[in-house]
Amino acid sequence: MAGIELRHEIHDQVTTDVLRQIERNMGSTRPALLEIGEHLQGSVEERFRTETDPQGRPWAPLSDFTKANKRGNQILTESGGAGLRGSIHYRVQDNALEQGTNKIYGAIHQLGGTIKAKGGGALAIGRPDGEFALVKQVTIPAREYLGLSVDDREVIDAILQRHALPPEAR
């Protein structure tokens, strides 16, 4: 994933023990990780729908400049084409689950920052009418769309606990 991906490493003995139990019971953690990945996809889609971060805080509103130069009014969602919202995906490899985007601009929207024109030039910002606005720099506030909420953590724990049960007990 070239844009940004979210990684959480587990350094908790209880969780490590649960994952080992899942491997003993099922031979692989893959089914549990796939279920977690599907849940996280739904969480990210809900964040785009509600325009909130994993803690439930609203994303920073659009600037007047962005409103004037954007086709729609949804934050981080542009009408037409597969943009950031449609690019979020997950993958399971070995005993790992990754979620992120391949969009190169994914990181600046997740983390925020300032983009400056190189060499004293100008950045060309496309406008809905096909024209361009020329600016020296653009500051983008962080709008966290990846991450784990308290609810996500509880759902993940429940999924892991269920998969750790012997097959006859599920």
N, C-alpha and C. Protein backbone atom coordinates (compact mmCIF):
# COMPACT_ATOMS: atom_id res chain seq x y z
N MET A 1 0.85 -1.18 0.00
CA MET A 1 0.00 0.00 0.00
C MET A 1 0.89 1.23 0.00
N ALA A 2 0.82 1.99 -1.06
CA ALA A 2 1.71 3.13 -1.22
C ALA A 2 1.25 4.36 -0.45
N GLY A 3 -0.05 4.50 -0.17
CA GLY A 3 -0.56 5.70 0.49
C GLY A 3 -0.30 5.69 1.97
N ILE A 4 -1.12 4.99 2.71
CA ILE A 4 -0.96 4.87 4.16
C ILE A 4 -1.63 3.58 4.60
N GLU A 5 -1.05 2.94 5.57
CA GLU A 5 -1.67 1.75 6.15
C GLU A 5 -1.58 1.86 7.66
N LEU A 6 -2.49 1.23 8.31
CA LEU A 6 -2.56 1.24 9.76
C LEU A 6 -2.00 -0.08 10.28
N ARG A 7 -1.08 0.00 11.21
CA ARG A 7 -0.51 -1.20 11.81
C ARG A 7 -0.61 -1.07 13.33
N HIS A 8 -1.10 -2.11 13.94
CA HIS A 8 -1.11 -2.21 15.40
C HIS A 8 -0.39 -3.50 15.73
N GLU A 9 0.70 -3.40 16.46
CA GLU A 9 1.41 -4.60 16.88
C GLU A 9 0.90 -5.00 18.25
N ILE A 10 0.75 -6.29 18.44
CA ILE A 10 0.21 -6.79 19.70
C ILE A 10 1.36 -7.19 20.61
N HIS A 11 1.43 -6.55 21.74
CA HIS A 11 2.43 -6.87 22.75
C HIS A 11 1.73 -7.17 24.06
N ASP A 12 0.65 -7.91 23.96
CA ASP A 12 -0.17 -8.24 25.11
C ASP A 12 -0.21 -9.76 25.23
N GLN A 13 0.15 -10.28 26.38
CA GLN A 13 0.24 -11.73 26.55
C GLN A 13 -1.11 -12.41 26.41
N VAL A 14 -2.17 -11.80 26.92
CA VAL A 14 -3.49 -12.41 26.83
C VAL A 14 -3.90 -12.55 25.36
N THR A 15 -3.73 -11.48 24.59
CA THR A 15 -4.09 -11.53 23.16
C THR A 15 -3.21 -12.52 22.42
N THR A 16 -1.93 -12.53 22.73
CA THR A 16 -1.02 -13.50 22.11
C THR A 16 -1.46 -14.92 22.42
N ASP A 17 -1.87 -15.18 23.64
CA ASP A 17 -2.36 -16.51 24.02
C ASP A 17 -3.63 -16.87 23.26
N VAL A 18 -4.53 -15.90 23.10
CA VAL A 18 -5.77 -16.15 22.36
C VAL A 18 -5.45 -16.48 20.90
N LEU A 19 -4.53 -15.74 20.29
CA LEU A 19 -4.16 -16.03 18.90
C LEU A 19 -3.54 -17.41 18.76
N ARG A 20 -2.74 -17.80 19.73
CA ARG A 20 -2.16 -19.16 19.70
C ARG A 20 -3.25 -20.22 19.84
N GLN A 21 -4.25 -19.93 20.67
CA GLN A 21 -5.36 -20.88 20.83
C GLN A 21 -6.15 -21.00 19.53
N ILE A 22 -6.35 -19.89 18.86
CA ILE A 22 -7.05 -19.92 17.56
C ILE A 22 -6.27 -20.79 16.58
N GLU A 23 -4.96 -20.63 16.54
CA GLU A 23 -4.14 -21.45 15.64
C GLU A 23 -4.25 -22.93 15.99
N ARG A 24 -4.27 -23.24 17.28
CA ARG A 24 -4.40 -24.64 17.69
C ARG A 24 -5.76 -25.20 17.29
N ASN A 25 -6.82 -24.42 17.49
CA ASN A 25 -8.18 -24.87 17.20
C ASN A 25 -8.48 -24.94 15.71
N MET A 26 -8.00 -23.94 14.97
CA MET A 26 -8.41 -23.82 13.57
C MET A 26 -7.26 -24.04 12.59
N GLY A 27 -6.04 -24.08 13.08
CA GLY A 27 -4.89 -24.24 12.21
C GLY A 27 -4.41 -22.93 11.61
N SER A 28 -5.17 -21.85 11.78
CA SER A 28 -4.81 -20.56 11.19
C SER A 28 -5.62 -19.46 11.85
N THR A 29 -5.03 -18.28 11.91
CA THR A 29 -5.77 -17.11 12.40
C THR A 29 -6.50 -16.41 11.26
N ARG A 30 -6.31 -16.88 10.04
CA ARG A 30 -6.88 -16.22 8.86
C ARG A 30 -8.40 -15.98 8.96
N PRO A 31 -9.22 -16.97 9.33
CA PRO A 31 -10.66 -16.70 9.41
C PRO A 31 -11.00 -15.57 10.39
N ALA A 32 -10.34 -15.53 11.52
CA ALA A 32 -10.59 -14.46 12.50
C ALA A 32 -10.14 -13.12 11.93
N LEU A 33 -8.97 -13.08 11.29
CA LEU A 33 -8.46 -11.83 10.74
C LEU A 33 -9.34 -11.33 9.60
N LEU A 34 -9.87 -12.24 8.79
CA LEU A 34 -10.79 -11.83 7.72
C LEU A 34 -12.05 -11.21 8.30
N GLU A 35 -12.56 -11.80 9.36
CA GLU A 35 -13.76 -11.24 10.01
C GLU A 35 -13.47 -9.87 10.61
N ILE A 36 -12.30 -9.73 11.21
CA ILE A 36 -11.91 -8.43 11.77
C ILE A 36 -11.75 -7.41 10.64
N GLY A 37 -11.14 -7.82 9.54
CA GLY A 37 -10.97 -6.92 8.40
C GLY A 37 -12.30 -6.41 7.87
N GLU A 38 -13.28 -7.31 7.77
CA GLU A 38 -14.62 -6.89 7.32
C GLU A 38 -15.24 -5.89 8.29
N HIS A 39 -15.08 -6.15 9.59
CA HIS A 39 -15.60 -5.20 10.57
C HIS A 39 -14.94 -3.83 10.41
N LEU A 40 -13.61 -3.82 10.26
CA LEU A 40 -12.89 -2.55 10.15
C LEU A 40 -13.28 -1.80 8.87
N GLN A 41 -13.56 -2.52 7.79
CA GLN A 41 -14.03 -1.87 6.57
C GLN A 41 -15.33 -1.12 6.85
N GLY A 42 -16.23 -1.77 7.58
CA GLY A 42 -17.49 -1.12 7.94
C GLY A 42 -17.27 0.10 8.82
N SER A 43 -16.30 0.02 9.72
CA SER A 43 -16.00 1.16 10.60
C SER A 43 -15.49 2.35 9.81
N VAL A 44 -14.61 2.09 8.85
CA VAL A 44 -14.08 3.18 8.04
C VAL A 44 -15.19 3.79 7.18
N GLU A 45 -16.03 2.96 6.60
CA GLU A 45 -17.14 3.48 5.79
C GLU A 45 -18.06 4.35 6.66
N GLU A 46 -18.30 3.94 7.89
CA GLU A 46 -19.12 4.73 8.81
C GLU A 46 -18.45 6.07 9.13
N ARG A 47 -17.12 6.09 9.24
CA ARG A 47 -16.40 7.35 9.50
C ARG A 47 -16.57 8.31 8.33
N PHE A 48 -16.49 7.79 7.11
CA PHE A 48 -16.70 8.66 5.95
C PHE A 48 -18.15 9.15 5.92
N ARG A 49 -19.08 8.30 6.27
CA ARG A 49 -20.50 8.69 6.26
C ARG A 49 -20.79 9.76 7.30
N THR A 50 -20.23 9.60 8.51
CA THR A 50 -20.49 10.54 9.61
C THR A 50 -19.44 11.65 9.70
N GLU A 51 -18.37 11.52 8.91
CA GLU A 51 -17.28 12.50 8.92
C GLU A 51 -16.71 12.69 10.32
N THR A 52 -16.38 11.56 10.95
CA THR A 52 -15.81 11.57 12.30
C THR A 52 -14.58 10.67 12.36
N ASP A 53 -13.73 10.92 13.36
CA ASP A 53 -12.54 10.10 13.55
C ASP A 53 -12.87 8.88 14.43
N PRO A 54 -11.90 8.00 14.67
CA PRO A 54 -12.20 6.80 15.47
C PRO A 54 -12.70 7.09 16.89
N GLN A 55 -12.40 8.27 17.41
CA GLN A 55 -12.88 8.62 18.74
C GLN A 55 -14.26 9.29 18.69
N GLY A 56 -14.81 9.43 17.49
CA GLY A 56 -16.13 10.03 17.34
C GLY A 56 -16.13 11.54 17.20
N ARG A 57 -14.94 12.14 17.12
CA ARG A 57 -14.85 13.60 16.97
C ARG A 57 -15.06 13.98 15.50
N PRO A 58 -15.79 15.07 15.26
CA PRO A 58 -16.01 15.49 13.87
C PRO A 58 -14.70 15.88 13.19
N TRP A 59 -14.61 15.58 11.90
CA TRP A 59 -13.47 16.03 11.11
C TRP A 59 -13.51 17.54 11.00
N ALA A 60 -12.35 18.15 10.79
CA ALA A 60 -12.28 19.60 10.57
C ALA A 60 -13.15 19.95 9.36
N PRO A 61 -13.91 21.03 9.45
CA PRO A 61 -14.77 21.41 8.32
C PRO A 61 -13.93 21.82 7.11
N LEU A 62 -14.55 21.82 5.96
CA LEU A 62 -13.88 22.27 4.74
C LEU A 62 -13.63 23.77 4.82
N SER A 63 -12.49 24.20 4.29
CA SER A 63 -12.21 25.64 4.23
C SER A 63 -13.09 26.26 3.15
N ASP A 64 -13.24 27.57 3.21
CA ASP A 64 -14.03 28.27 2.19
C ASP A 64 -13.42 28.05 0.81
N PHE A 65 -12.09 28.04 0.73
CA PHE A 65 -11.41 27.81 -0.54
C PHE A 65 -11.78 26.44 -1.10
N THR A 66 -11.72 25.41 -0.24
CA THR A 66 -12.05 24.06 -0.69
C THR A 66 -13.51 23.97 -1.11
N LYS A 67 -14.40 24.57 -0.34
CA LYS A 67 -15.83 24.56 -0.70
C LYS A 67 -16.04 25.17 -2.09
N ALA A 68 -15.32 26.25 -2.37
CA ALA A 68 -15.48 26.95 -3.64
C ALA A 68 -14.89 26.16 -4.81
N ASN A 69 -13.97 25.24 -4.51
CA ASN A 69 -13.25 24.52 -5.57
C ASN A 69 -13.56 23.03 -5.60
N LYS A 70 -14.62 22.63 -4.94
CA LYS A 70 -14.98 21.21 -4.84
C LYS A 70 -16.35 21.00 -5.48
N ARG A 71 -16.53 19.84 -6.09
CA ARG A 71 -17.82 19.53 -6.74
C ARG A 71 -18.92 19.27 -5.71
N GLY A 72 -18.61 18.54 -4.66
CA GLY A 72 -19.61 18.20 -3.65
C GLY A 72 -19.30 18.87 -2.33
N ASN A 73 -20.09 18.53 -1.31
CA ASN A 73 -19.86 19.14 0.00
C ASN A 73 -19.41 18.13 1.05
N GLN A 74 -19.23 16.87 0.67
CA GLN A 74 -18.77 15.87 1.63
C GLN A 74 -17.26 15.97 1.80
N ILE A 75 -16.81 15.85 3.04
CA ILE A 75 -15.39 15.91 3.35
C ILE A 75 -14.74 14.59 2.94
N LEU A 76 -13.58 14.69 2.30
CA LEU A 76 -12.79 13.54 1.84
C LEU A 76 -13.52 12.66 0.83
N THR A 77 -14.58 13.16 0.26
CA THR A 77 -15.34 12.40 -0.73
C THR A 77 -15.63 13.32 -1.91
N GLU A 78 -15.11 12.95 -3.05
CA GLU A 78 -15.37 13.72 -4.27
C GLU A 78 -16.28 12.88 -5.15
N SER A 79 -17.25 13.51 -5.76
CA SER A 79 -18.18 12.75 -6.60
C SER A 79 -17.47 12.29 -7.87
N GLY A 80 -17.83 11.11 -8.32
CA GLY A 80 -17.27 10.57 -9.55
C GLY A 80 -15.92 9.93 -9.32
N GLY A 81 -15.73 8.74 -9.85
CA GLY A 81 -14.45 8.07 -9.75
C GLY A 81 -14.22 7.42 -8.40
N ALA A 82 -13.20 6.61 -8.36
CA ALA A 82 -12.85 5.91 -7.12
C ALA A 82 -11.79 6.74 -6.40
N GLY A 83 -12.23 7.53 -5.46
CA GLY A 83 -11.32 8.36 -4.70
C GLY A 83 -10.85 7.66 -3.44
N LEU A 84 -10.46 8.45 -2.47
CA LEU A 84 -9.93 7.93 -1.22
C LEU A 84 -10.91 6.98 -0.54
N ARG A 85 -12.14 7.40 -0.43
CA ARG A 85 -13.15 6.59 0.26
C ARG A 85 -13.27 5.20 -0.35
N GLY A 86 -13.29 5.11 -1.65
CA GLY A 86 -13.43 3.83 -2.32
C GLY A 86 -12.15 3.01 -2.39
N SER A 87 -11.04 3.61 -1.99
CA SER A 87 -9.76 2.91 -2.09
C SER A 87 -9.35 2.18 -0.82
N ILE A 88 -10.07 2.37 0.26
CA ILE A 88 -9.71 1.73 1.52
C ILE A 88 -9.98 0.24 1.41
N HIS A 89 -8.99 -0.55 1.74
CA HIS A 89 -9.15 -2.00 1.69
C HIS A 89 -8.25 -2.65 2.74
N TYR A 90 -8.45 -3.93 2.92
CA TYR A 90 -7.61 -4.66 3.86
C TYR A 90 -7.09 -5.92 3.17
N ARG A 91 -6.04 -6.47 3.76
CA ARG A 91 -5.54 -7.75 3.28
C ARG A 91 -4.99 -8.52 4.47
N VAL A 92 -5.11 -9.83 4.36
CA VAL A 92 -4.60 -10.73 5.38
C VAL A 92 -3.48 -11.54 4.75
N GLN A 93 -2.32 -11.51 5.38
CA GLN A 93 -1.18 -12.30 4.95
C GLN A 93 -0.57 -12.93 6.18
N ASP A 94 -0.31 -14.23 6.08
CA ASP A 94 0.23 -14.97 7.22
C ASP A 94 -0.64 -14.70 8.45
N ASN A 95 -0.05 -14.16 9.49
CA ASN A 95 -0.80 -13.84 10.71
C ASN A 95 -0.94 -12.34 10.89
N ALA A 96 -1.11 -11.63 9.77
CA ALA A 96 -1.18 -10.17 9.82
C ALA A 96 -2.37 -9.66 9.04
N LEU A 97 -2.96 -8.60 9.54
CA LEU A 97 -4.06 -7.90 8.88
C LEU A 97 -3.59 -6.47 8.68
N GLU A 98 -3.67 -5.98 7.44
CA GLU A 98 -3.32 -4.60 7.13
C GLU A 98 -4.54 -3.94 6.52
N GLN A 99 -4.74 -2.67 6.86
CA GLN A 99 -5.82 -1.89 6.28
C GLN A 99 -5.26 -0.56 5.87
N GLY A 100 -5.62 -0.09 4.70
CA GLY A 100 -5.11 1.19 4.25
C GLY A 100 -5.60 1.54 2.86
N THR A 101 -4.89 2.45 2.22
CA THR A 101 -5.22 2.91 0.88
C THR A 101 -3.96 2.93 0.03
N ASN A 102 -4.13 2.75 -1.26
CA ASN A 102 -3.01 2.89 -2.17
C ASN A 102 -2.94 4.29 -2.76
N LYS A 103 -3.82 5.16 -2.34
CA LYS A 103 -3.80 6.54 -2.83
C LYS A 103 -2.66 7.29 -2.15
N ILE A 104 -1.80 7.89 -2.95
CA ILE A 104 -0.62 8.57 -2.44
C ILE A 104 -0.99 9.72 -1.51
N TYR A 105 -2.15 10.32 -1.71
CA TYR A 105 -2.59 11.44 -0.87
C TYR A 105 -3.29 10.97 0.41
N GLY A 106 -3.39 9.66 0.62
CA GLY A 106 -4.07 9.15 1.80
C GLY A 106 -3.43 9.60 3.10
N ALA A 107 -2.09 9.64 3.13
CA ALA A 107 -1.38 10.00 4.36
C ALA A 107 -1.63 11.44 4.77
N ILE A 108 -1.61 12.37 3.81
CA ILE A 108 -1.80 13.78 4.16
C ILE A 108 -3.19 14.02 4.75
N HIS A 109 -4.18 13.28 4.28
CA HIS A 109 -5.52 13.45 4.83
C HIS A 109 -5.66 12.79 6.21
N GLN A 110 -4.99 11.69 6.43
CA GLN A 110 -5.02 11.01 7.73
C GLN A 110 -4.24 11.81 8.78
N LEU A 111 -3.05 12.29 8.41
CA LEU A 111 -2.14 12.90 9.36
C LEU A 111 -2.14 14.43 9.35
N GLY A 112 -2.60 15.02 8.24
CA GLY A 112 -2.56 16.47 8.09
C GLY A 112 -1.17 16.94 7.69
N GLY A 113 -1.07 18.18 7.26
CA GLY A 113 0.21 18.74 6.89
C GLY A 113 0.06 19.85 5.88
N THR A 114 1.20 20.42 5.49
CA THR A 114 1.23 21.50 4.53
C THR A 114 1.97 21.04 3.28
N ILE A 115 1.38 21.27 2.13
CA ILE A 115 2.00 20.97 0.85
C ILE A 115 2.42 22.31 0.25
N LYS A 116 3.72 22.44 -0.05
CA LYS A 116 4.26 23.69 -0.61
C LYS A 116 4.70 23.46 -2.04
N ALA A 117 4.54 24.50 -2.85
CA ALA A 117 5.01 24.44 -4.23
C ALA A 117 6.54 24.39 -4.23
N LYS A 118 7.10 23.60 -5.11
CA LYS A 118 8.56 23.48 -5.21
C LYS A 118 9.15 24.68 -5.94
N GLY A 119 10.32 25.07 -5.52
CA GLY A 119 11.08 26.10 -6.23
C GLY A 119 10.38 27.44 -6.35
N GLY A 120 9.53 27.78 -5.41
CA GLY A 120 8.87 29.08 -5.44
C GLY A 120 7.75 29.17 -6.45
N GLY A 121 7.39 28.06 -7.05
CA GLY A 121 6.30 28.04 -8.04
C GLY A 121 4.95 28.05 -7.37
N ALA A 122 3.99 27.50 -8.06
CA ALA A 122 2.62 27.47 -7.55
C ALA A 122 2.04 26.07 -7.72
N LEU A 123 1.12 25.74 -6.84
CA LEU A 123 0.35 24.51 -6.97
C LEU A 123 -0.90 24.82 -7.78
N ALA A 124 -1.26 23.95 -8.69
CA ALA A 124 -2.47 24.13 -9.49
C ALA A 124 -3.56 23.25 -8.90
N ILE A 125 -4.60 23.88 -8.39
CA ILE A 125 -5.72 23.18 -7.79
C ILE A 125 -6.87 23.17 -8.80
N GLY A 126 -7.27 21.97 -9.22
CA GLY A 126 -8.37 21.85 -10.19
C GLY A 126 -9.68 22.34 -9.61
N ARG A 127 -10.44 23.04 -10.44
CA ARG A 127 -11.74 23.57 -10.03
C ARG A 127 -12.83 22.82 -10.79
N PRO A 128 -14.06 22.81 -10.26
CA PRO A 128 -15.15 22.10 -10.94
C PRO A 128 -15.42 22.58 -12.36
N ASP A 129 -15.10 23.86 -12.66
CA ASP A 129 -15.37 24.40 -14.00
C ASP A 129 -14.26 24.09 -15.00
N GLY A 130 -13.26 23.30 -14.57
CA GLY A 130 -12.16 22.94 -15.46
C GLY A 130 -10.97 23.88 -15.38
N GLU A 131 -11.15 25.00 -14.74
CA GLU A 131 -10.05 25.95 -14.56
C GLU A 131 -9.17 25.50 -13.38
N PHE A 132 -8.10 26.25 -13.12
CA PHE A 132 -7.20 25.95 -12.02
C PHE A 132 -6.99 27.18 -11.16
N ALA A 133 -6.91 26.94 -9.84
CA ALA A 133 -6.53 27.99 -8.90
C ALA A 133 -5.05 27.77 -8.60
N LEU A 134 -4.25 28.83 -8.64
CA LEU A 134 -2.82 28.73 -8.35
C LEU A 134 -2.56 29.25 -6.94
N VAL A 135 -1.91 28.42 -6.12
CA VAL A 135 -1.62 28.79 -4.74
C VAL A 135 -0.17 28.40 -4.42
N LYS A 136 0.41 29.07 -3.44
CA LYS A 136 1.79 28.77 -3.02
C LYS A 136 1.85 27.53 -2.13
N GLN A 137 0.83 27.35 -1.30
CA GLN A 137 0.80 26.19 -0.41
C GLN A 137 -0.63 25.89 0.01
N VAL A 138 -0.83 24.67 0.47
CA VAL A 138 -2.13 24.23 0.96
C VAL A 138 -1.89 23.52 2.28
N THR A 139 -2.62 23.91 3.32
CA THR A 139 -2.55 23.23 4.60
C THR A 139 -3.81 22.39 4.76
N ILE A 140 -3.59 21.11 4.99
CA ILE A 140 -4.70 20.17 5.12
C ILE A 140 -4.75 19.68 6.57
N PRO A 141 -5.87 19.86 7.24
CA PRO A 141 -5.96 19.37 8.62
C PRO A 141 -6.05 17.84 8.65
N ALA A 142 -5.59 17.25 9.73
CA ALA A 142 -5.72 15.80 9.90
C ALA A 142 -7.19 15.45 10.00
N ARG A 143 -7.59 14.46 9.23
CA ARG A 143 -8.96 13.92 9.30
C ARG A 143 -8.79 12.41 9.36
N GLU A 144 -8.65 11.91 10.57
CA GLU A 144 -8.33 10.50 10.79
C GLU A 144 -9.50 9.61 10.37
N TYR A 145 -9.26 8.80 9.36
CA TYR A 145 -10.29 7.87 8.89
C TYR A 145 -9.90 6.43 9.21
N LEU A 146 -8.61 6.17 9.40
CA LEU A 146 -8.14 4.86 9.85
C LEU A 146 -7.92 4.92 11.35
N GLY A 147 -8.02 3.80 12.02
CA GLY A 147 -7.79 3.75 13.45
C GLY A 147 -8.80 2.85 14.13
N LEU A 148 -8.55 2.58 15.38
CA LEU A 148 -9.43 1.70 16.13
C LEU A 148 -10.18 2.50 17.19
N SER A 149 -11.49 2.40 17.15
CA SER A 149 -12.32 3.01 18.18
C SER A 149 -12.42 2.05 19.37
N VAL A 150 -13.00 2.52 20.44
CA VAL A 150 -13.26 1.66 21.59
C VAL A 150 -14.17 0.51 21.16
N ASP A 151 -15.20 0.83 20.37
CA ASP A 151 -16.12 -0.19 19.87
C ASP A 151 -15.38 -1.21 19.00
N ASP A 152 -14.49 -0.73 18.13
CA ASP A 152 -13.71 -1.65 17.29
C ASP A 152 -12.91 -2.63 18.15
N ARG A 153 -12.29 -2.12 19.18
CA ARG A 153 -11.48 -2.98 20.06
C ARG A 153 -12.36 -4.05 20.73
N GLU A 154 -13.55 -3.65 21.16
CA GLU A 154 -14.46 -4.61 21.80
C GLU A 154 -14.92 -5.68 20.81
N VAL A 155 -15.24 -5.26 19.59
CA VAL A 155 -15.66 -6.21 18.56
C VAL A 155 -14.52 -7.16 18.21
N ILE A 156 -13.32 -6.62 18.08
CA ILE A 156 -12.14 -7.45 17.78
C ILE A 156 -11.92 -8.47 18.90
N ASP A 157 -12.01 -8.03 20.14
CA ASP A 157 -11.86 -8.96 21.27
C ASP A 157 -12.90 -10.07 21.20
N ALA A 158 -14.15 -9.71 20.90
CA ALA A 158 -15.22 -10.71 20.83
C ALA A 158 -14.98 -11.70 19.69
N ILE A 159 -14.52 -11.20 18.54
CA ILE A 159 -14.22 -12.08 17.41
C ILE A 159 -13.11 -13.05 17.79
N LEU A 160 -12.06 -12.53 18.40
CA LEU A 160 -10.94 -13.39 18.78
C LEU A 160 -11.36 -14.42 19.82
N GLN A 161 -12.14 -14.00 20.80
CA GLN A 161 -12.60 -14.93 21.83
C GLN A 161 -13.46 -16.04 21.23
N ARG A 162 -14.35 -15.66 20.29
CA ARG A 162 -15.20 -16.65 19.65
C ARG A 162 -14.38 -17.66 18.84
N HIS A 163 -13.41 -17.18 18.12
CA HIS A 163 -12.56 -18.05 17.29
C HIS A 163 -11.62 -18.90 18.16
N ALA A 164 -11.37 -18.47 19.39
CA ALA A 164 -10.50 -19.25 20.28
C ALA A 164 -11.22 -20.42 20.92
N LEU A 165 -12.55 -20.40 20.86
CA LEU A 165 -13.32 -21.52 21.41
C LEU A 165 -13.12 -22.77 20.56
N PRO A 166 -13.19 -23.94 21.17
CA PRO A 166 -13.15 -25.16 20.37
C PRO A 166 -14.32 -25.16 19.39
N PRO A 167 -14.15 -25.75 18.21
CA PRO A 167 -15.20 -25.70 17.18
C PRO A 167 -16.57 -26.15 17.68
N GLU A 168 -16.64 -27.14 18.53
CA GLU A 168 -17.94 -27.63 19.02
C GLU A 168 -18.61 -26.64 19.96
N ALA A 169 -17.86 -25.68 20.51
CA ALA A 169 -18.42 -24.71 21.46
C ALA A 169 -18.88 -23.42 20.77
N ARG A 170 -18.55 -23.25 19.51
CA ARG A 170 -18.93 -22.02 18.80
C ARG A 170 -20.33 -22.05 18.46
